[in-house]
Amino acid sequence: MKIVVIDGQGGRMGSLLTAQIKKTILSLESSSLKAGTAPIELLAIGTNSIATAAMLHAGAEHGATGENPVLAACRDADYILGPIGILAADALYGEVTPAMAAAIGRSRAEKILLPVNRCSIQVAGVPDLPLSALVEQAVGIIRQGIAP
């Protein structure tokens, strides 16, 4: 199973997601996963090197930076996590290219997006929660998907 975390700017959200995934998901015993679940791989992709470094520091097993790693990782990801802006071209102050947004949107992966209400994107009906609560909810979705 491949979990891809994508973030930009300083990588704060991505590093929080990475740390929580490492603590909650990667620590699951193989016997507590659904039958047939493949080993879990955590890949951090930054839209810039600062974001990638932050996610690697938070515990990601592998990291890469830029457009092509996003395109490649989205092909076979099972889960993609990040701010909602990763689906919008030119979001994150222009760090998300149109090709990145298209690759993420077209991916067969389950997309778990955090509605941070920035990048000129507002999600109606979603309460403005602290980032820590959003991260907990996002990781909880993965846990429900892989635990029996």
N, C-alpha and C. Protein backbone atom coordinates (compact mmCIF):
# COMPACT_ATOMS: atom_id res chain seq x y z
N MET A 1 0.85 -1.17 0.00
CA MET A 1 0.00 0.00 0.00
C MET A 1 0.90 1.23 0.00
N LYS A 2 0.56 2.18 -0.85
CA LYS A 2 1.38 3.38 -1.00
C LYS A 2 0.58 4.61 -0.56
N ILE A 3 1.10 5.29 0.46
CA ILE A 3 0.50 6.52 0.96
C ILE A 3 1.41 7.67 0.53
N VAL A 4 0.85 8.64 -0.18
CA VAL A 4 1.61 9.77 -0.68
C VAL A 4 1.10 11.04 -0.01
N VAL A 5 2.02 11.76 0.61
CA VAL A 5 1.70 13.06 1.21
C VAL A 5 2.33 14.12 0.34
N ILE A 6 1.51 15.09 -0.11
CA ILE A 6 1.98 16.16 -0.97
C ILE A 6 1.75 17.48 -0.25
N ASP A 7 2.79 18.31 -0.19
CA ASP A 7 2.66 19.62 0.44
C ASP A 7 3.68 20.57 -0.16
N GLY A 8 3.49 21.83 0.11
CA GLY A 8 4.37 22.87 -0.39
C GLY A 8 4.67 23.88 0.69
N GLN A 9 5.04 25.08 0.27
CA GLN A 9 5.41 26.14 1.19
C GLN A 9 6.46 25.63 2.17
N GLY A 10 6.21 25.72 3.47
CA GLY A 10 7.18 25.25 4.46
C GLY A 10 7.00 23.79 4.85
N GLY A 11 5.96 23.14 4.34
CA GLY A 11 5.73 21.73 4.61
C GLY A 11 5.15 21.42 5.98
N ARG A 12 4.59 22.42 6.65
CA ARG A 12 4.05 22.19 8.00
C ARG A 12 2.93 21.16 8.01
N MET A 13 1.95 21.32 7.13
CA MET A 13 0.84 20.38 7.09
C MET A 13 1.34 18.99 6.71
N GLY A 14 2.19 18.91 5.71
CA GLY A 14 2.73 17.63 5.29
C GLY A 14 3.53 16.95 6.38
N SER A 15 4.29 17.72 7.15
CA SER A 15 5.08 17.12 8.23
C SER A 15 4.18 16.63 9.36
N LEU A 16 3.11 17.36 9.65
CA LEU A 16 2.16 16.90 10.67
C LEU A 16 1.45 15.62 10.21
N LEU A 17 1.04 15.59 8.94
CA LEU A 17 0.41 14.38 8.39
C LEU A 17 1.38 13.20 8.43
N THR A 18 2.61 13.44 8.01
CA THR A 18 3.62 12.39 7.99
C THR A 18 3.86 11.83 9.38
N ALA A 19 4.04 12.69 10.35
CA ALA A 19 4.30 12.24 11.72
C ALA A 19 3.13 11.44 12.26
N GLN A 20 1.91 11.90 12.00
CA GLN A 20 0.73 11.19 12.50
C GLN A 20 0.54 9.85 11.79
N ILE A 21 0.80 9.80 10.50
CA ILE A 21 0.72 8.53 9.76
C ILE A 21 1.75 7.56 10.30
N LYS A 22 2.96 8.03 10.52
CA LYS A 22 4.02 7.17 11.03
C LYS A 22 3.64 6.63 12.41
N LYS A 23 3.10 7.48 13.24
CA LYS A 23 2.72 7.09 14.60
C LYS A 23 1.52 6.14 14.61
N THR A 24 0.53 6.44 13.81
CA THR A 24 -0.75 5.72 13.86
C THR A 24 -0.84 4.56 12.89
N ILE A 25 -0.46 4.77 11.66
CA ILE A 25 -0.65 3.77 10.61
C ILE A 25 0.53 2.82 10.51
N LEU A 26 1.73 3.36 10.41
CA LEU A 26 2.90 2.50 10.22
C LEU A 26 3.20 1.67 11.46
N SER A 27 2.66 2.06 12.60
CA SER A 27 2.90 1.30 13.82
C SER A 27 1.92 0.13 13.97
N LEU A 28 0.92 0.05 13.09
CA LEU A 28 -0.03 -1.06 13.16
C LEU A 28 0.69 -2.38 12.93
N GLU A 29 0.39 -3.35 13.72
CA GLU A 29 0.95 -4.69 13.51
C GLU A 29 0.39 -5.24 12.21
N SER A 30 1.20 -5.99 11.48
CA SER A 30 0.72 -6.57 10.22
C SER A 30 -0.50 -7.45 10.44
N SER A 31 -0.62 -8.03 11.63
CA SER A 31 -1.77 -8.88 11.91
C SER A 31 -3.05 -8.08 12.11
N SER A 32 -2.91 -6.76 12.35
CA SER A 32 -4.11 -5.96 12.57
C SER A 32 -4.59 -5.27 11.30
N LEU A 33 -3.95 -5.55 10.17
CA LEU A 33 -4.38 -4.99 8.89
C LEU A 33 -5.37 -5.94 8.22
N LYS A 34 -6.18 -5.41 7.32
CA LYS A 34 -7.09 -6.24 6.56
C LYS A 34 -6.30 -7.29 5.80
N ALA A 35 -6.88 -8.46 5.64
CA ALA A 35 -6.22 -9.53 4.89
C ALA A 35 -5.91 -9.05 3.48
N GLY A 36 -4.73 -9.38 3.01
CA GLY A 36 -4.33 -9.02 1.66
C GLY A 36 -3.75 -7.62 1.53
N THR A 37 -3.66 -6.88 2.64
CA THR A 37 -3.10 -5.55 2.60
C THR A 37 -1.58 -5.62 2.44
N ALA A 38 -1.06 -4.93 1.46
CA ALA A 38 0.38 -4.92 1.19
C ALA A 38 1.10 -4.10 2.25
N PRO A 39 2.41 -4.30 2.39
CA PRO A 39 3.18 -3.46 3.31
C PRO A 39 2.96 -1.98 2.99
N ILE A 40 3.04 -1.15 3.99
CA ILE A 40 2.74 0.27 3.83
C ILE A 40 4.02 1.04 3.52
N GLU A 41 3.97 1.83 2.44
CA GLU A 41 5.07 2.70 2.05
C GLU A 41 4.59 4.14 2.17
N LEU A 42 5.37 4.98 2.84
CA LEU A 42 5.02 6.38 3.01
C LEU A 42 5.98 7.24 2.19
N LEU A 43 5.43 7.96 1.23
CA LEU A 43 6.22 8.79 0.32
C LEU A 43 5.82 10.25 0.49
N ALA A 44 6.80 11.10 0.75
CA ALA A 44 6.57 12.53 0.89
C ALA A 44 7.02 13.24 -0.37
N ILE A 45 6.13 14.04 -0.95
CA ILE A 45 6.49 14.81 -2.13
C ILE A 45 6.22 16.28 -1.85
N GLY A 46 7.29 17.04 -1.92
CA GLY A 46 7.17 18.48 -1.73
C GLY A 46 7.14 19.20 -3.05
N THR A 47 6.40 20.29 -3.10
CA THR A 47 6.45 21.12 -4.29
C THR A 47 7.71 21.96 -4.28
N ASN A 48 8.42 21.94 -3.16
CA ASN A 48 9.72 22.60 -3.04
C ASN A 48 10.57 21.80 -2.06
N SER A 49 11.87 22.04 -2.05
CA SER A 49 12.78 21.23 -1.24
C SER A 49 12.59 21.44 0.26
N ILE A 50 12.13 22.60 0.67
CA ILE A 50 11.90 22.85 2.11
C ILE A 50 10.77 21.96 2.61
N ALA A 51 9.69 21.86 1.83
CA ALA A 51 8.56 21.01 2.22
C ALA A 51 8.98 19.55 2.26
N THR A 52 9.74 19.11 1.28
CA THR A 52 10.21 17.72 1.25
C THR A 52 11.07 17.44 2.48
N ALA A 53 11.99 18.32 2.79
CA ALA A 53 12.88 18.13 3.95
C ALA A 53 12.08 18.06 5.24
N ALA A 54 11.06 18.88 5.38
CA ALA A 54 10.24 18.87 6.59
C ALA A 54 9.52 17.53 6.76
N MET A 55 9.01 16.99 5.66
CA MET A 55 8.30 15.71 5.74
C MET A 55 9.25 14.55 5.98
N LEU A 56 10.44 14.60 5.41
CA LEU A 56 11.44 13.57 5.69
C LEU A 56 11.87 13.63 7.15
N HIS A 57 12.03 14.83 7.66
CA HIS A 57 12.39 15.00 9.07
C HIS A 57 11.29 14.46 9.99
N ALA A 58 10.04 14.54 9.54
CA ALA A 58 8.91 14.05 10.33
C ALA A 58 8.76 12.53 10.27
N GLY A 59 9.56 11.86 9.40
CA GLY A 59 9.54 10.41 9.40
C GLY A 59 9.15 9.71 8.12
N ALA A 60 8.98 10.45 7.03
CA ALA A 60 8.67 9.79 5.76
C ALA A 60 9.84 8.89 5.36
N GLU A 61 9.52 7.73 4.79
CA GLU A 61 10.55 6.78 4.38
C GLU A 61 11.29 7.26 3.14
N HIS A 62 10.57 7.91 2.23
CA HIS A 62 11.14 8.37 0.97
C HIS A 62 10.60 9.76 0.69
N GLY A 63 11.37 10.53 -0.05
CA GLY A 63 10.93 11.87 -0.41
C GLY A 63 11.43 12.27 -1.77
N ALA A 64 10.70 13.16 -2.41
CA ALA A 64 11.09 13.69 -3.71
C ALA A 64 10.48 15.08 -3.83
N THR A 65 11.01 15.84 -4.77
CA THR A 65 10.58 17.24 -4.92
C THR A 65 10.24 17.54 -6.37
N GLY A 66 9.13 18.23 -6.57
CA GLY A 66 8.82 18.78 -7.87
C GLY A 66 7.68 18.10 -8.61
N GLU A 67 7.50 18.56 -9.83
CA GLU A 67 6.37 18.11 -10.64
C GLU A 67 6.45 16.65 -11.03
N ASN A 68 7.56 16.20 -11.57
CA ASN A 68 7.62 14.82 -12.06
C ASN A 68 7.40 13.79 -10.95
N PRO A 69 7.94 13.97 -9.74
CA PRO A 69 7.63 13.01 -8.68
C PRO A 69 6.13 12.95 -8.35
N VAL A 70 5.44 14.08 -8.44
CA VAL A 70 3.99 14.06 -8.21
C VAL A 70 3.32 13.22 -9.30
N LEU A 71 3.70 13.46 -10.55
CA LEU A 71 3.09 12.72 -11.67
C LEU A 71 3.34 11.22 -11.52
N ALA A 72 4.56 10.84 -11.17
CA ALA A 72 4.90 9.42 -11.04
C ALA A 72 4.22 8.78 -9.85
N ALA A 73 4.20 9.44 -8.72
CA ALA A 73 3.63 8.86 -7.50
C ALA A 73 2.12 8.67 -7.59
N CYS A 74 1.46 9.56 -8.31
CA CYS A 74 0.00 9.47 -8.41
C CYS A 74 -0.47 8.27 -9.23
N ARG A 75 0.42 7.72 -10.05
CA ARG A 75 0.03 6.58 -10.90
C ARG A 75 -0.37 5.36 -10.12
N ASP A 76 0.34 5.09 -9.02
CA ASP A 76 0.05 3.86 -8.28
C ASP A 76 -0.18 4.08 -6.78
N ALA A 77 -0.53 5.30 -6.41
CA ALA A 77 -0.82 5.59 -5.00
C ALA A 77 -2.17 4.98 -4.60
N ASP A 78 -2.25 4.57 -3.35
CA ASP A 78 -3.52 4.11 -2.79
C ASP A 78 -4.24 5.25 -2.07
N TYR A 79 -3.45 6.11 -1.42
CA TYR A 79 -3.96 7.29 -0.72
C TYR A 79 -3.08 8.47 -1.07
N ILE A 80 -3.71 9.63 -1.31
CA ILE A 80 -3.00 10.88 -1.50
C ILE A 80 -3.55 11.86 -0.48
N LEU A 81 -2.66 12.45 0.30
CA LEU A 81 -3.07 13.40 1.33
C LEU A 81 -2.38 14.74 1.11
N GLY A 82 -3.06 15.81 1.46
CA GLY A 82 -2.48 17.14 1.36
C GLY A 82 -3.55 18.20 1.50
N PRO A 83 -3.14 19.46 1.36
CA PRO A 83 -4.13 20.54 1.40
C PRO A 83 -5.01 20.48 0.16
N ILE A 84 -6.21 20.98 0.28
CA ILE A 84 -7.16 20.94 -0.83
C ILE A 84 -6.61 21.65 -2.07
N GLY A 85 -5.72 22.58 -1.87
CA GLY A 85 -5.14 23.34 -2.98
C GLY A 85 -4.35 22.50 -3.97
N ILE A 86 -3.96 21.29 -3.60
CA ILE A 86 -3.19 20.47 -4.54
C ILE A 86 -4.02 20.04 -5.75
N LEU A 87 -5.33 20.25 -5.67
CA LEU A 87 -6.19 19.94 -6.82
C LEU A 87 -6.40 21.15 -7.73
N ALA A 88 -5.82 22.28 -7.39
CA ALA A 88 -6.03 23.50 -8.16
C ALA A 88 -4.72 24.00 -8.77
N ALA A 89 -4.71 24.15 -10.07
CA ALA A 89 -3.53 24.68 -10.74
C ALA A 89 -3.19 26.06 -10.19
N ASP A 90 -1.91 26.31 -10.00
CA ASP A 90 -1.37 27.57 -9.51
C ASP A 90 -1.64 27.84 -8.04
N ALA A 91 -2.17 26.85 -7.31
CA ALA A 91 -2.39 27.02 -5.87
C ALA A 91 -1.05 26.99 -5.14
N LEU A 92 -1.10 27.23 -3.86
CA LEU A 92 0.10 27.29 -3.01
C LEU A 92 1.08 28.31 -3.59
N TYR A 93 0.55 29.48 -3.92
CA TYR A 93 1.34 30.57 -4.48
C TYR A 93 2.07 30.17 -5.76
N GLY A 94 1.41 29.36 -6.57
CA GLY A 94 1.94 28.96 -7.86
C GLY A 94 2.78 27.69 -7.84
N GLU A 95 2.92 27.06 -6.68
CA GLU A 95 3.75 25.85 -6.60
C GLU A 95 3.09 24.63 -7.22
N VAL A 96 1.78 24.62 -7.32
CA VAL A 96 1.07 23.48 -7.93
C VAL A 96 0.87 23.80 -9.40
N THR A 97 1.52 23.01 -10.25
CA THR A 97 1.40 23.23 -11.69
C THR A 97 0.11 22.59 -12.20
N PRO A 98 -0.36 23.01 -13.38
CA PRO A 98 -1.55 22.37 -13.94
C PRO A 98 -1.37 20.86 -14.10
N ALA A 99 -0.19 20.41 -14.46
CA ALA A 99 0.05 18.96 -14.62
C ALA A 99 -0.05 18.23 -13.29
N MET A 100 0.43 18.86 -12.22
CA MET A 100 0.32 18.24 -10.88
C MET A 100 -1.14 18.09 -10.49
N ALA A 101 -1.90 19.17 -10.62
CA ALA A 101 -3.31 19.14 -10.24
C ALA A 101 -4.07 18.09 -11.05
N ALA A 102 -3.77 17.99 -12.33
CA ALA A 102 -4.44 16.99 -13.18
C ALA A 102 -4.06 15.58 -12.76
N ALA A 103 -2.80 15.34 -12.49
CA ALA A 103 -2.35 14.00 -12.09
C ALA A 103 -2.99 13.57 -10.78
N ILE A 104 -3.09 14.48 -9.84
CA ILE A 104 -3.72 14.17 -8.55
C ILE A 104 -5.20 13.89 -8.76
N GLY A 105 -5.86 14.75 -9.52
CA GLY A 105 -7.29 14.58 -9.76
C GLY A 105 -7.63 13.31 -10.51
N ARG A 106 -6.76 12.90 -11.43
CA ARG A 106 -7.02 11.70 -12.23
C ARG A 106 -6.62 10.41 -11.55
N SER A 107 -5.84 10.51 -10.51
CA SER A 107 -5.34 9.31 -9.84
C SER A 107 -6.50 8.48 -9.29
N ARG A 108 -6.34 7.17 -9.33
CA ARG A 108 -7.36 6.26 -8.77
C ARG A 108 -7.30 6.26 -7.24
N ALA A 109 -6.29 6.88 -6.67
CA ALA A 109 -6.10 6.89 -5.21
C ALA A 109 -7.25 7.56 -4.49
N GLU A 110 -7.47 7.12 -3.28
CA GLU A 110 -8.38 7.81 -2.37
C GLU A 110 -7.69 9.12 -1.99
N LYS A 111 -8.36 10.24 -2.23
CA LYS A 111 -7.77 11.53 -1.92
C LYS A 111 -8.34 12.05 -0.61
N ILE A 112 -7.46 12.34 0.31
CA ILE A 112 -7.87 12.88 1.61
C ILE A 112 -7.28 14.28 1.69
N LEU A 113 -8.14 15.27 1.51
CA LEU A 113 -7.71 16.65 1.39
C LEU A 113 -8.14 17.46 2.61
N LEU A 114 -7.24 18.27 3.10
CA LEU A 114 -7.53 19.09 4.27
C LEU A 114 -8.01 20.47 3.81
N PRO A 115 -9.24 20.84 4.21
CA PRO A 115 -9.81 22.12 3.78
C PRO A 115 -9.29 23.27 4.64
N VAL A 116 -8.15 23.81 4.25
CA VAL A 116 -7.56 24.88 5.03
C VAL A 116 -8.07 26.26 4.62
N ASN A 117 -8.99 26.30 3.66
CA ASN A 117 -9.64 27.55 3.22
C ASN A 117 -8.64 28.64 2.87
N ARG A 118 -7.64 28.24 2.08
CA ARG A 118 -6.67 29.19 1.54
C ARG A 118 -6.63 28.98 0.04
N CYS A 119 -5.74 29.64 -0.63
CA CYS A 119 -5.59 29.49 -2.09
C CYS A 119 -6.88 29.85 -2.82
N SER A 120 -7.65 30.74 -2.26
CA SER A 120 -8.92 31.18 -2.85
C SER A 120 -9.91 30.03 -2.99
N ILE A 121 -9.79 29.02 -2.14
CA ILE A 121 -10.73 27.89 -2.15
C ILE A 121 -11.40 27.84 -0.78
N GLN A 122 -12.71 27.96 -0.78
CA GLN A 122 -13.48 27.85 0.45
C GLN A 122 -14.46 26.69 0.28
N VAL A 123 -14.55 25.83 1.26
CA VAL A 123 -15.47 24.70 1.20
C VAL A 123 -16.66 25.03 2.11
N ALA A 124 -17.82 25.23 1.50
CA ALA A 124 -19.02 25.57 2.26
C ALA A 124 -19.45 24.39 3.13
N GLY A 125 -19.92 24.68 4.30
CA GLY A 125 -20.44 23.64 5.19
C GLY A 125 -19.39 22.90 5.98
N VAL A 126 -18.14 23.28 5.85
CA VAL A 126 -17.06 22.62 6.57
C VAL A 126 -16.59 23.56 7.68
N PRO A 127 -16.64 23.10 8.93
CA PRO A 127 -16.21 23.99 10.02
C PRO A 127 -14.72 24.29 9.93
N ASP A 128 -14.34 25.45 10.40
CA ASP A 128 -12.94 25.87 10.41
C ASP A 128 -12.27 25.25 11.63
N LEU A 129 -11.65 24.09 11.44
CA LEU A 129 -11.03 23.34 12.53
C LEU A 129 -9.53 23.63 12.59
N PRO A 130 -8.94 23.45 13.76
CA PRO A 130 -7.48 23.57 13.85
C PRO A 130 -6.81 22.50 13.00
N LEU A 131 -5.60 22.79 12.54
CA LEU A 131 -4.87 21.87 11.68
C LEU A 131 -4.70 20.51 12.35
N SER A 132 -4.44 20.48 13.65
CA SER A 132 -4.24 19.20 14.34
C SER A 132 -5.49 18.32 14.26
N ALA A 133 -6.67 18.92 14.35
CA ALA A 133 -7.92 18.15 14.25
C ALA A 133 -8.11 17.63 12.83
N LEU A 134 -7.77 18.43 11.83
CA LEU A 134 -7.88 17.99 10.45
C LEU A 134 -6.94 16.82 10.18
N VAL A 135 -5.72 16.89 10.71
CA VAL A 135 -4.75 15.81 10.53
C VAL A 135 -5.25 14.53 11.18
N GLU A 136 -5.78 14.62 12.37
CA GLU A 136 -6.33 13.43 13.06
C GLU A 136 -7.45 12.79 12.24
N GLN A 137 -8.35 13.61 11.71
CA GLN A 137 -9.45 13.08 10.90
C GLN A 137 -8.92 12.42 9.63
N ALA A 138 -7.95 13.04 8.98
CA ALA A 138 -7.40 12.49 7.74
C ALA A 138 -6.76 11.12 7.98
N VAL A 139 -5.97 11.01 9.02
CA VAL A 139 -5.30 9.74 9.33
C VAL A 139 -6.33 8.70 9.78
N GLY A 140 -7.38 9.13 10.44
CA GLY A 140 -8.45 8.22 10.83
C GLY A 140 -9.14 7.59 9.64
N ILE A 141 -9.26 8.32 8.54
CA ILE A 141 -9.86 7.77 7.32
C ILE A 141 -9.01 6.63 6.78
N ILE A 142 -7.70 6.80 6.78
CA ILE A 142 -6.81 5.73 6.30
C ILE A 142 -6.93 4.53 7.22
N ARG A 143 -6.90 4.78 8.51
CA ARG A 143 -6.97 3.68 9.48
C ARG A 143 -8.24 2.85 9.29
N GLN A 144 -9.37 3.52 9.06
CA GLN A 144 -10.61 2.78 8.81
C GLN A 144 -10.53 1.95 7.55
N GLY A 145 -9.79 2.45 6.56
CA GLY A 145 -9.68 1.75 5.29
C GLY A 145 -8.78 0.51 5.35
N ILE A 146 -7.85 0.47 6.30
CA ILE A 146 -6.91 -0.65 6.33
C ILE A 146 -7.08 -1.59 7.52
N ALA A 147 -7.81 -1.15 8.53
CA ALA A 147 -8.02 -2.02 9.70
C ALA A 147 -9.26 -2.88 9.47
N PRO A 148 -9.24 -4.11 9.97
CA PRO A 148 -10.41 -4.98 9.77
C PRO A 148 -11.63 -4.50 10.52
